[in-house]
Amino acid sequence: MGQAKLRGTPEQRKQAAIERQLSLRPKHIVCNNCKAELTEMIPMDISGMRGIEAAFAAHCPHCSHDTYAIKGEREAVANMHMAIEDATGTEAQVGVVPAANKR
């Protein structure tokens, strides 16, 4: 039970988790619709999502398409992908971030 105190206050642990996620932010997301390079993206709240290390969303100003970048365990990413489809009511396209695009 004393282990949590060693990791810091709840606020410190939350900030550390946010910083870990931001360190995984790609340089850009390629729009799944028009292939534009999107550099403006927002981090998605992944608290409580087991198996997800980071998730970002970008809105394309050219074609108005939303594209997501999700990093984590294969099954967790697939579950998040399906949840996004359910929430948006559209079929999401799967893309891959090339290794050269990682920070």
PDB file of N, CA and C in Angstrom:
ATOM      1  N   MET A   1       0.813  -1.183   0.000  1.00  0.00           N
ATOM      2  CA  MET A   1       0.000   0.000   0.000  1.00  0.00           C
ATOM      3  C   MET A   1       0.861   1.253   0.000  1.00  0.00           C
ATOM      4  N   GLY A   2       2.044   1.195   0.573  1.00  0.00           N
ATOM      5  CA  GLY A   2       2.918   2.349   0.601  1.00  0.00           C
ATOM      6  C   GLY A   2       3.585   2.644  -0.727  1.00  0.00           C
ATOM      7  N   GLN A   3       3.432   1.765  -1.716  1.00  0.00           N
ATOM      8  CA  GLN A   3       4.081   1.958  -3.015  1.00  0.00           C
ATOM      9  C   GLN A   3       3.565   3.186  -3.742  1.00  0.00           C
ATOM     10  N   ALA A   4       2.281   3.482  -3.611  1.00  0.00           N
ATOM     11  CA  ALA A   4       1.713   4.645  -4.301  1.00  0.00           C
ATOM     12  C   ALA A   4       2.372   5.927  -3.831  1.00  0.00           C
ATOM     13  N   LYS A   5       2.667   6.019  -2.547  1.00  0.00           N
ATOM     14  CA  LYS A   5       3.322   7.219  -2.023  1.00  0.00           C
ATOM     15  C   LYS A   5       4.702   7.403  -2.643  1.00  0.00           C
ATOM     16  N   LEU A   6       5.369   6.301  -2.931  1.00  0.00           N
ATOM     17  CA  LEU A   6       6.689   6.376  -3.541  1.00  0.00           C
ATOM     18  C   LEU A   6       6.626   6.905  -4.970  1.00  0.00           C
ATOM     19  N   ARG A   7       5.488   6.733  -5.638  1.00  0.00           N
ATOM     20  CA  ARG A   7       5.333   7.186  -7.030  1.00  0.00           C
ATOM     21  C   ARG A   7       4.858   8.627  -7.110  1.00  0.00           C
ATOM     22  N   GLY A   8       4.538   9.230  -5.965  1.00  0.00           N
ATOM     23  CA  GLY A   8       4.107  10.625  -5.951  1.00  0.00           C
ATOM     24  C   GLY A   8       2.628  10.782  -5.698  1.00  0.00           C
ATOM     25  N   THR A   9       2.206  12.029  -5.671  1.00  0.00           N
ATOM     26  CA  THR A   9       0.797  12.340  -5.453  1.00  0.00           C
ATOM     27  C   THR A   9      -0.011  11.939  -6.689  1.00  0.00           C
ATOM     28  N   PRO A  10      -1.331  11.829  -6.551  1.00  0.00           N
ATOM     29  CA  PRO A  10      -2.145  11.522  -7.736  1.00  0.00           C
ATOM     30  C   PRO A  10      -1.918  12.524  -8.873  1.00  0.00           C
ATOM     31  N   GLU A  11      -1.750  13.801  -8.525  1.00  0.00           N
ATOM     32  CA  GLU A  11      -1.506  14.819  -9.549  1.00  0.00           C
ATOM     33  C   GLU A  11      -0.163  14.588 -10.244  1.00  0.00           C
ATOM     34  N   GLN A  12       0.860  14.232  -9.463  1.00  0.00           N
ATOM     35  CA  GLN A  12       2.183  13.974 -10.043  1.00  0.00           C
ATOM     36  C   GLN A  12       2.145  12.748 -10.952  1.00  0.00           C
ATOM     37  N   ARG A  13       1.425  11.704 -10.531  1.00  0.00           N
ATOM     38  CA  ARG A  13       1.327  10.492 -11.348  1.00  0.00           C
ATOM     39  C   ARG A  13       0.561  10.772 -12.635  1.00  0.00           C
ATOM     40  N   LYS A  14      -0.495  11.597 -12.546  1.00  0.00           N
ATOM     41  CA  LYS A  14      -1.257  11.951 -13.746  1.00  0.00           C
ATOM     42  C   LYS A  14      -0.383  12.747 -14.710  1.00  0.00           C
ATOM     43  N   GLN A  15       0.382  13.711 -14.195  1.00  0.00           N
ATOM     44  CA  GLN A  15       1.268  14.515 -15.037  1.00  0.00           C
ATOM     45  C   GLN A  15       2.334  13.644 -15.695  1.00  0.00           C
ATOM     46  N   ALA A  16       2.878  12.678 -14.939  1.00  0.00           N
ATOM     47  CA  ALA A  16       3.881  11.766 -15.502  1.00  0.00           C
ATOM     48  C   ALA A  16       3.286  10.945 -16.636  1.00  0.00           C
ATOM     49  N   ALA A  17       2.035  10.504 -16.480  1.00  0.00           N
ATOM     50  CA  ALA A  17       1.375   9.730 -17.537  1.00  0.00           C
ATOM     51  C   ALA A  17       1.159  10.577 -18.783  1.00  0.00           C
ATOM     52  N   ILE A  18       0.780  11.834 -18.599  1.00  0.00           N
ATOM     53  CA  ILE A  18       0.589  12.749 -19.732  1.00  0.00           C
ATOM     54  C   ILE A  18       1.912  12.972 -20.454  1.00  0.00           C
ATOM     55  N   GLU A  19       2.981  13.172 -19.703  1.00  0.00           N
ATOM     56  CA  GLU A  19       4.297  13.385 -20.313  1.00  0.00           C
ATOM     57  C   GLU A  19       4.772  12.147 -21.067  1.00  0.00           C
ATOM     58  N   ARG A  20       4.484  10.944 -20.526  1.00  0.00           N
ATOM     59  CA  ARG A  20       4.848   9.702 -21.231  1.00  0.00           C
ATOM     60  C   ARG A  20       4.120   9.631 -22.561  1.00  0.00           C
ATOM     61  N   GLN A  21       2.819   9.966 -22.556  1.00  0.00           N
ATOM     62  CA  GLN A  21       2.049   9.917 -23.794  1.00  0.00           C
ATOM     63  C   GLN A  21       2.578  10.932 -24.800  1.00  0.00           C
ATOM     64  N   LEU A  22       2.841  12.147 -24.370  1.00  0.00           N
ATOM     65  CA  LEU A  22       3.324  13.178 -25.288  1.00  0.00           C
ATOM     66  C   LEU A  22       4.686  12.841 -25.872  1.00  0.00           C
ATOM     67  N   SER A  23       5.494  12.082 -25.137  1.00  0.00           N
ATOM     68  CA  SER A  23       6.804  11.684 -25.663  1.00  0.00           C
ATOM     69  C   SER A  23       6.654  10.712 -26.832  1.00  0.00           C
ATOM     70  N   LEU A  24       5.489  10.087 -26.965  1.00  0.00           N
ATOM     71  CA  LEU A  24       5.228   9.144 -28.065  1.00  0.00           C
ATOM     72  C   LEU A  24       4.521   9.808 -29.249  1.00  0.00           C
ATOM     73  N   ARG A  25       4.316  11.107 -29.176  1.00  0.00           N
ATOM     74  CA  ARG A  25       3.614  11.838 -30.241  1.00  0.00           C
ATOM     75  C   ARG A  25       4.407  11.758 -31.547  1.00  0.00           C
ATOM     76  N   PRO A  26       3.746  11.345 -32.632  1.00  0.00           N
ATOM     77  CA  PRO A  26       4.446  11.313 -33.931  1.00  0.00           C
ATOM     78  C   PRO A  26       4.662  12.737 -34.453  1.00  0.00           C
ATOM     79  N   LYS A  27       5.597  12.890 -35.378  1.00  0.00           N
ATOM     80  CA  LYS A  27       5.851  14.207 -35.988  1.00  0.00           C
ATOM     81  C   LYS A  27       4.622  14.684 -36.751  1.00  0.00           C
ATOM     82  N   HIS A  28       3.927  13.749 -37.393  1.00  0.00           N
ATOM     83  CA  HIS A  28       2.708  14.075 -38.115  1.00  0.00           C
ATOM     84  C   HIS A  28       1.860  12.810 -38.267  1.00  0.00           C
ATOM     85  N   ILE A  29       0.597  13.030 -38.571  1.00  0.00           N
ATOM     86  CA  ILE A  29      -0.319  11.947 -38.909  1.00  0.00           C
ATOM     87  C   ILE A  29      -0.688  12.150 -40.370  1.00  0.00           C
ATOM     88  N   VAL A  30      -0.659  11.088 -41.146  1.00  0.00           N
ATOM     89  CA  VAL A  30      -1.065  11.179 -42.550  1.00  0.00           C
ATOM     90  C   VAL A  30      -2.570  10.953 -42.618  1.00  0.00           C
ATOM     91  N   CYS A  31      -3.275  11.918 -43.195  1.00  0.00           N
ATOM     92  CA  CYS A  31      -4.726  11.811 -43.324  1.00  0.00           C
ATOM     93  C   CYS A  31      -5.070  10.538 -44.098  1.00  0.00           C
ATOM     94  N   ASN A  32      -5.959   9.732 -43.527  1.00  0.00           N
ATOM     95  CA  ASN A  32      -6.360   8.491 -44.190  1.00  0.00           C
ATOM     96  C   ASN A  32      -7.196   8.744 -45.434  1.00  0.00           C
ATOM     97  N   ASN A  33      -7.710   9.963 -45.600  1.00  0.00           N
ATOM     98  CA  ASN A  33      -8.569  10.261 -46.732  1.00  0.00           C
ATOM     99  C   ASN A  33      -7.798  10.900 -47.893  1.00  0.00           C
ATOM    100  N   CYS A  34      -7.105  12.031 -47.629  1.00  0.00           N
ATOM    101  CA  CYS A  34      -6.448  12.759 -48.724  1.00  0.00           C
ATOM    102  C   CYS A  34      -4.915  12.684 -48.671  1.00  0.00           C
ATOM    103  N   LYS A  35      -4.377  12.010 -47.663  1.00  0.00           N
ATOM    104  CA  LYS A  35      -2.925  11.779 -47.502  1.00  0.00           C
ATOM    105  C   LYS A  35      -2.130  13.027 -47.142  1.00  0.00           C
ATOM    106  N   ALA A  36      -2.787  14.087 -46.682  1.00  0.00           N
ATOM    107  CA  ALA A  36      -2.073  15.288 -46.225  1.00  0.00           C
ATOM    108  C   ALA A  36      -1.355  14.975 -44.917  1.00  0.00           C
ATOM    109  N   GLU A  37      -0.214  15.634 -44.692  1.00  0.00           N
ATOM    110  CA  GLU A  37       0.518  15.473 -43.436  1.00  0.00           C
ATOM    111  C   GLU A  37      -0.078  16.437 -42.413  1.00  0.00           C
ATOM    112  N   LEU A  38      -0.597  15.898 -41.340  1.00  0.00           N
ATOM    113  CA  LEU A  38      -1.257  16.696 -40.308  1.00  0.00           C
ATOM    114  C   LEU A  38      -0.342  16.791 -39.090  1.00  0.00           C
ATOM    115  N   THR A  39       0.104  17.996 -38.787  1.00  0.00           N
ATOM    116  CA  THR A  39       1.007  18.179 -37.651  1.00  0.00           C
ATOM    117  C   THR A  39       0.269  18.663 -36.408  1.00  0.00           C
ATOM    118  N   GLU A  40      -0.917  19.212 -36.585  1.00  0.00           N
ATOM    119  CA  GLU A  40      -1.703  19.646 -35.433  1.00  0.00           C
ATOM    120  C   GLU A  40      -2.582  18.488 -34.993  1.00  0.00           C
ATOM    121  N   MET A  41      -2.316  17.986 -33.794  1.00  0.00           N
ATOM    122  CA  MET A  41      -3.086  16.865 -33.264  1.00  0.00           C
ATOM    123  C   MET A  41      -3.288  17.060 -31.773  1.00  0.00           C
ATOM    124  N   ILE A  42      -4.328  16.450 -31.285  1.00  0.00           N
ATOM    125  CA  ILE A  42      -4.595  16.552 -29.857  1.00  0.00           C
ATOM    126  C   ILE A  42      -4.424  15.173 -29.219  1.00  0.00           C
ATOM    127  N   PRO A  43      -3.839  15.137 -28.022  1.00  0.00           N
ATOM    128  CA  PRO A  43      -3.741  13.854 -27.320  1.00  0.00           C
ATOM    129  C   PRO A  43      -5.126  13.443 -26.824  1.00  0.00           C
ATOM    130  N   MET A  44      -5.429  12.174 -26.926  1.00  0.00           N
ATOM    131  CA  MET A  44      -6.715  11.659 -26.454  1.00  0.00           C
ATOM    132  C   MET A  44      -6.540  11.147 -25.026  1.00  0.00           C
ATOM    133  N   ASP A  45      -7.584  11.263 -24.240  1.00  0.00           N
ATOM    134  CA  ASP A  45      -7.544  10.773 -22.867  1.00  0.00           C
ATOM    135  C   ASP A  45      -7.574   9.250 -22.893  1.00  0.00           C
ATOM    136  N   ILE A  46      -6.486   8.637 -22.455  1.00  0.00           N
ATOM    137  CA  ILE A  46      -6.389   7.177 -22.458  1.00  0.00           C
ATOM    138  C   ILE A  46      -6.381   6.615 -21.042  1.00  0.00           C
ATOM    139  N   SER A  47      -6.698   7.446 -20.057  1.00  0.00           N
ATOM    140  CA  SER A  47      -6.702   6.960 -18.683  1.00  0.00           C
ATOM    141  C   SER A  47      -7.722   5.829 -18.549  1.00  0.00           C
ATOM    142  N   GLY A  48      -7.309   4.775 -17.930  1.00  0.00           N
ATOM    143  CA  GLY A  48      -8.180   3.623 -17.740  1.00  0.00           C
ATOM    144  C   GLY A  48      -8.248   2.684 -18.922  1.00  0.00           C
ATOM    145  N   MET A  49      -7.513   2.967 -19.993  1.00  0.00           N
ATOM    146  CA  MET A  49      -7.519   2.099 -21.176  1.00  0.00           C
ATOM    147  C   MET A  49      -6.287   1.190 -21.121  1.00  0.00           C
ATOM    148  N   ARG A  50      -6.487  -0.003 -20.630  1.00  0.00           N
ATOM    149  CA  ARG A  50      -5.377  -0.955 -20.527  1.00  0.00           C
ATOM    150  C   ARG A  50      -4.860  -1.313 -21.914  1.00  0.00           C
ATOM    151  N   GLY A  51      -3.541  -1.326 -22.041  1.00  0.00           N
ATOM    152  CA  GLY A  51      -2.922  -1.725 -23.295  1.00  0.00           C
ATOM    153  C   GLY A  51      -2.704  -0.593 -24.286  1.00  0.00           C
ATOM    154  N   ILE A  52      -3.202   0.606 -23.994  1.00  0.00           N
ATOM    155  CA  ILE A  52      -3.008   1.760 -24.881  1.00  0.00           C
ATOM    156  C   ILE A  52      -1.930   2.643 -24.271  1.00  0.00           C
ATOM    157  N   GLU A  53      -0.860   2.889 -25.032  1.00  0.00           N
ATOM    158  CA  GLU A  53       0.245   3.727 -24.561  1.00  0.00           C
ATOM    159  C   GLU A  53       0.032   5.195 -24.911  1.00  0.00           C
ATOM    160  N   ALA A  54      -0.533   5.458 -26.083  1.00  0.00           N
ATOM    161  CA  ALA A  54      -0.752   6.832 -26.529  1.00  0.00           C
ATOM    162  C   ALA A  54      -1.797   6.825 -27.637  1.00  0.00           C
ATOM    163  N   ALA A  55      -2.538   7.931 -27.727  1.00  0.00           N
ATOM    164  CA  ALA A  55      -3.524   8.089 -28.800  1.00  0.00           C
ATOM    165  C   ALA A  55      -3.664   9.571 -29.113  1.00  0.00           C
ATOM    166  N   PHE A  56      -3.703   9.872 -30.405  1.00  0.00           N
ATOM    167  CA  PHE A  56      -3.799  11.254 -30.867  1.00  0.00           C
ATOM    168  C   PHE A  56      -4.831  11.329 -31.978  1.00  0.00           C
ATOM    169  N   ALA A  57      -5.492  12.472 -32.078  1.00  0.00           N
ATOM    170  CA  ALA A  57      -6.478  12.702 -33.131  1.00  0.00           C
ATOM    171  C   ALA A  57      -6.097  13.960 -33.888  1.00  0.00           C
ATOM    172  N   ALA A  58      -6.319  13.941 -35.201  1.00  0.00           N
ATOM    173  CA  ALA A  58      -6.056  15.117 -36.040  1.00  0.00           C
ATOM    174  C   ALA A  58      -7.233  15.304 -36.985  1.00  0.00           C
ATOM    175  N   HIS A  59      -7.591  16.556 -37.201  1.00  0.00           N
ATOM    176  CA  HIS A  59      -8.668  16.902 -38.133  1.00  0.00           C
ATOM    177  C   HIS A  59      -8.035  17.553 -39.359  1.00  0.00           C
ATOM    178  N   CYS A  60      -8.315  17.006 -40.523  1.00  0.00           N
ATOM    179  CA  CYS A  60      -7.717  17.515 -41.757  1.00  0.00           C
ATOM    180  C   CYS A  60      -8.456  18.766 -42.229  1.00  0.00           C
ATOM    181  N   PRO A  61      -7.749  19.883 -42.391  1.00  0.00           N
ATOM    182  CA  PRO A  61      -8.393  21.105 -42.871  1.00  0.00           C
ATOM    183  C   PRO A  61      -8.714  21.044 -44.370  1.00  0.00           C
ATOM    184  N   HIS A  62      -8.105  20.110 -45.084  1.00  0.00           N
ATOM    185  CA  HIS A  62      -8.305  20.006 -46.534  1.00  0.00           C
ATOM    186  C   HIS A  62      -9.579  19.246 -46.895  1.00  0.00           C
ATOM    187  N   CYS A  63      -9.821  18.120 -46.184  1.00  0.00           N
ATOM    188  CA  CYS A  63     -10.962  17.279 -46.553  1.00  0.00           C
ATOM    189  C   CYS A  63     -11.941  17.059 -45.393  1.00  0.00           C
ATOM    190  N   SER A  64     -11.665  17.662 -44.247  1.00  0.00           N
ATOM    191  CA  SER A  64     -12.516  17.556 -43.048  1.00  0.00           C
ATOM    192  C   SER A  64     -12.632  16.141 -42.495  1.00  0.00           C
ATOM    193  N   HIS A  65     -11.624  15.322 -42.753  1.00  0.00           N
ATOM    194  CA  HIS A  65     -11.607  13.941 -42.266  1.00  0.00           C
ATOM    195  C   HIS A  65     -10.821  13.885 -40.954  1.00  0.00           C
ATOM    196  N   ASP A  66     -11.299  13.089 -39.989  1.00  0.00           N
ATOM    197  CA  ASP A  66     -10.565  12.877 -38.743  1.00  0.00           C
ATOM    198  C   ASP A  66      -9.706  11.625 -38.880  1.00  0.00           C
ATOM    199  N   THR A  67      -8.474  11.703 -38.409  1.00  0.00           N
ATOM    200  CA  THR A  67      -7.553  10.584 -38.455  1.00  0.00           C
ATOM    201  C   THR A  67      -6.955  10.408 -37.070  1.00  0.00           C
ATOM    202  N   TYR A  68      -6.750   9.153 -36.684  1.00  0.00           N
ATOM    203  CA  TYR A  68      -6.259   8.835 -35.349  1.00  0.00           C
ATOM    204  C   TYR A  68      -4.953   8.066 -35.431  1.00  0.00           C
ATOM    205  N   ALA A  69      -4.088   8.312 -34.451  1.00  0.00           N
ATOM    206  CA  ALA A  69      -2.857   7.540 -34.292  1.00  0.00           C
ATOM    207  C   ALA A  69      -2.938   6.915 -32.907  1.00  0.00           C
ATOM    208  N   ILE A  70      -2.881   5.585 -32.858  1.00  0.00           N
ATOM    209  CA  ILE A  70      -3.022   4.869 -31.592  1.00  0.00           C
ATOM    210  C   ILE A  70      -1.847   3.911 -31.450  1.00  0.00           C
ATOM    211  N   LYS A  71      -1.195   3.941 -30.287  1.00  0.00           N
ATOM    212  CA  LYS A  71      -0.070   3.043 -30.021  1.00  0.00           C
ATOM    213  C   LYS A  71      -0.407   2.193 -28.813  1.00  0.00           C
ATOM    214  N   GLY A  72      -0.196   0.886 -28.944  1.00  0.00           N
ATOM    215  CA  GLY A  72      -0.448  -0.006 -27.827  1.00  0.00           C
ATOM    216  C   GLY A  72      -0.474  -1.452 -28.273  1.00  0.00           C
ATOM    217  N   GLU A  73      -0.977  -2.289 -27.375  1.00  0.00           N
ATOM    218  CA  GLU A  73      -1.087  -3.715 -27.681  1.00  0.00           C
ATOM    219  C   GLU A  73      -2.135  -3.918 -28.778  1.00  0.00           C
ATOM    220  N   ARG A  74      -1.888  -4.882 -29.633  1.00  0.00           N
ATOM    221  CA  ARG A  74      -2.733  -5.109 -30.819  1.00  0.00           C
ATOM    222  C   ARG A  74      -4.225  -5.196 -30.465  1.00  0.00           C
ATOM    223  N   GLU A  75      -4.577  -5.990 -29.476  1.00  0.00           N
ATOM    224  CA  GLU A  75      -5.983  -6.178 -29.132  1.00  0.00           C
ATOM    225  C   GLU A  75      -6.590  -4.893 -28.564  1.00  0.00           C
ATOM    226  N   ALA A  76      -5.831  -4.175 -27.746  1.00  0.00           N
ATOM    227  CA  ALA A  76      -6.327  -2.928 -27.167  1.00  0.00           C
ATOM    228  C   ALA A  76      -6.542  -1.876 -28.249  1.00  0.00           C
ATOM    229  N   VAL A  77      -5.622  -1.816 -29.216  1.00  0.00           N
ATOM    230  CA  VAL A  77      -5.764  -0.866 -30.324  1.00  0.00           C
ATOM    231  C   VAL A  77      -6.995  -1.219 -31.160  1.00  0.00           C
ATOM    232  N   ALA A  78      -7.210  -2.512 -31.408  1.00  0.00           N
ATOM    233  CA  ALA A  78      -8.389  -2.939 -32.172  1.00  0.00           C
ATOM    234  C   ALA A  78      -9.673  -2.572 -31.436  1.00  0.00           C
ATOM    235  N   ASN A  79      -9.691  -2.749 -30.117  1.00  0.00           N
ATOM    236  CA  ASN A  79     -10.871  -2.390 -29.330  1.00  0.00           C
ATOM    237  C   ASN A  79     -11.126  -0.883 -29.373  1.00  0.00           C
ATOM    238  N   MET A  80     -10.059  -0.085 -29.285  1.00  0.00           N
ATOM    239  CA  MET A  80     -10.222   1.371 -29.344  1.00  0.00           C
ATOM    240  C   MET A  80     -10.701   1.786 -30.736  1.00  0.00           C
ATOM    241  N   HIS A  81     -10.180   1.130 -31.755  1.00  0.00           N
ATOM    242  CA  HIS A  81     -10.588   1.393 -33.139  1.00  0.00           C
ATOM    243  C   HIS A  81     -12.098   1.163 -33.283  1.00  0.00           C
ATOM    244  N   MET A  82     -12.582   0.045 -32.735  1.00  0.00           N
ATOM    245  CA  MET A  82     -14.015  -0.251 -32.813  1.00  0.00           C
ATOM    246  C   MET A  82     -14.831   0.759 -31.999  1.00  0.00           C
ATOM    247  N   ALA A  83     -14.304   1.191 -30.857  1.00  0.00           N
ATOM    248  CA  ALA A  83     -15.013   2.178 -30.040  1.00  0.00           C
ATOM    249  C   ALA A  83     -15.133   3.514 -30.773  1.00  0.00           C
ATOM    250  N   ILE A  84     -14.079   3.898 -31.493  1.00  0.00           N
ATOM    251  CA  ILE A  84     -14.120   5.140 -32.281  1.00  0.00           C
ATOM    252  C   ILE A  84     -15.178   5.013 -33.374  1.00  0.00           C
ATOM    253  N   GLU A  85     -15.226   3.857 -34.039  1.00  0.00           N
ATOM    254  CA  GLU A  85     -16.240   3.638 -35.072  1.00  0.00           C
ATOM    255  C   GLU A  85     -17.649   3.745 -34.477  1.00  0.00           C
ATOM    256  N   ASP A  86     -17.851   3.132 -33.313  1.00  0.00           N
ATOM    257  CA  ASP A  86     -19.170   3.183 -32.668  1.00  0.00           C
ATOM    258  C   ASP A  86     -19.536   4.617 -32.292  1.00  0.00           C
ATOM    259  N   ALA A  87     -18.556   5.371 -31.776  1.00  0.00           N
ATOM    260  CA  ALA A  87     -18.818   6.742 -31.329  1.00  0.00           C
ATOM    261  C   ALA A  87     -19.085   7.692 -32.490  1.00  0.00           C
ATOM    262  N   THR A  88     -18.383   7.487 -33.612  1.00  0.00           N
ATOM    263  CA  THR A  88     -18.517   8.402 -34.746  1.00  0.00           C
ATOM    264  C   THR A  88     -19.575   7.954 -35.748  1.00  0.00           C
ATOM    265  N   GLY A  89     -19.937   6.672 -35.701  1.00  0.00           N
ATOM    266  CA  GLY A  89     -20.931   6.159 -36.638  1.00  0.00           C
ATOM    267  C   GLY A  89     -20.392   5.983 -38.042  1.00  0.00           C
ATOM    268  N   THR A  90     -19.068   5.995 -38.190  1.00  0.00           N
ATOM    269  CA  THR A  90     -18.452   5.801 -39.508  1.00  0.00           C
ATOM    270  C   THR A  90     -17.408   4.699 -39.428  1.00  0.00           C
ATOM    271  N   GLU A  91     -17.105   4.123 -40.578  1.00  0.00           N
ATOM    272  CA  GLU A  91     -16.077   3.097 -40.629  1.00  0.00           C
ATOM    273  C   GLU A  91     -14.705   3.768 -40.636  1.00  0.00           C
ATOM    274  N   ALA A  92     -13.885   3.416 -39.673  1.00  0.00           N
ATOM    275  CA  ALA A  92     -12.552   3.999 -39.571  1.00  0.00           C
ATOM    276  C   ALA A  92     -11.580   3.216 -40.442  1.00  0.00           C
ATOM    277  N   GLN A  93     -10.640   3.934 -41.032  1.00  0.00           N
ATOM    278  CA  GLN A  93      -9.600   3.302 -41.832  1.00  0.00           C
ATOM    279  C   GLN A  93      -8.377   3.098 -40.961  1.00  0.00           C
ATOM    280  N   VAL A  94      -7.692   2.001 -41.174  1.00  0.00           N
ATOM    281  CA  VAL A  94      -6.494   1.710 -40.401  1.00  0.00           C
ATOM    282  C   VAL A  94      -5.268   2.148 -41.179  1.00  0.00           C
ATOM    283  N   GLY A  95      -4.388   2.840 -40.520  1.00  0.00           N
ATOM    284  CA  GLY A  95      -3.129   3.264 -41.124  1.00  0.00           C
ATOM    285  C   GLY A  95      -1.986   2.887 -40.201  1.00  0.00           C
ATOM    286  N   VAL A  96      -0.779   2.992 -40.700  1.00  0.00           N
ATOM    287  CA  VAL A  96       0.393   2.651 -39.920  1.00  0.00           C
ATOM    288  C   VAL A  96       1.342   3.846 -39.948  1.00  0.00           C
ATOM    289  N   VAL A  97       1.906   4.177 -38.784  1.00  0.00           N
ATOM    290  CA  VAL A  97       2.883   5.259 -38.707  1.00  0.00           C
ATOM    291  C   VAL A  97       4.232   4.652 -39.062  1.00  0.00           C
ATOM    292  N   PRO A  98       4.862   5.102 -40.163  1.00  0.00           N
ATOM    293  CA  PRO A  98       6.169   4.582 -40.527  1.00  0.00           C
ATOM    294  C   PRO A  98       7.198   4.894 -39.440  1.00  0.00           C
ATOM    295  N   ALA A  99       8.198   4.018 -39.308  1.00  0.00           N
ATOM    296  CA  ALA A  99       9.231   4.194 -38.284  1.00  0.00           C
ATOM    297  C   ALA A  99       9.932   5.540 -38.409  1.00  0.00           C
ATOM    298  N   ALA A 100      10.080   6.050 -39.613  1.00  0.00           N
ATOM    299  CA  ALA A 100      10.754   7.331 -39.837  1.00  0.00           C
ATOM    300  C   ALA A 100       9.960   8.503 -39.263  1.00  0.00           C
ATOM    301  N   ASN A 101       8.663   8.311 -38.993  1.00  0.00           N
ATOM    302  CA  ASN A 101       7.797   9.379 -38.497  1.00  0.00           C
ATOM    303  C   ASN A 101       7.801   9.444 -36.973  1.00  0.00           C
ATOM    304  N   LYS A 102       8.412   8.483 -36.329  1.00  0.00           N
ATOM    305  CA  LYS A 102       8.427   8.478 -34.870  1.00  0.00           C
ATOM    306  C   LYS A 102       9.486   9.412 -34.358  1.00  0.00           C
ATOM    307  N   ARG A 103       9.202  10.055 -33.222  1.00  0.00           N
ATOM    308  CA  ARG A 103      10.155  10.986 -32.621  1.00  0.00           C
ATOM    309  C   ARG A 103      11.276  10.258 -31.953  1.00  0.00           C
TER     310      ARG A 103
END
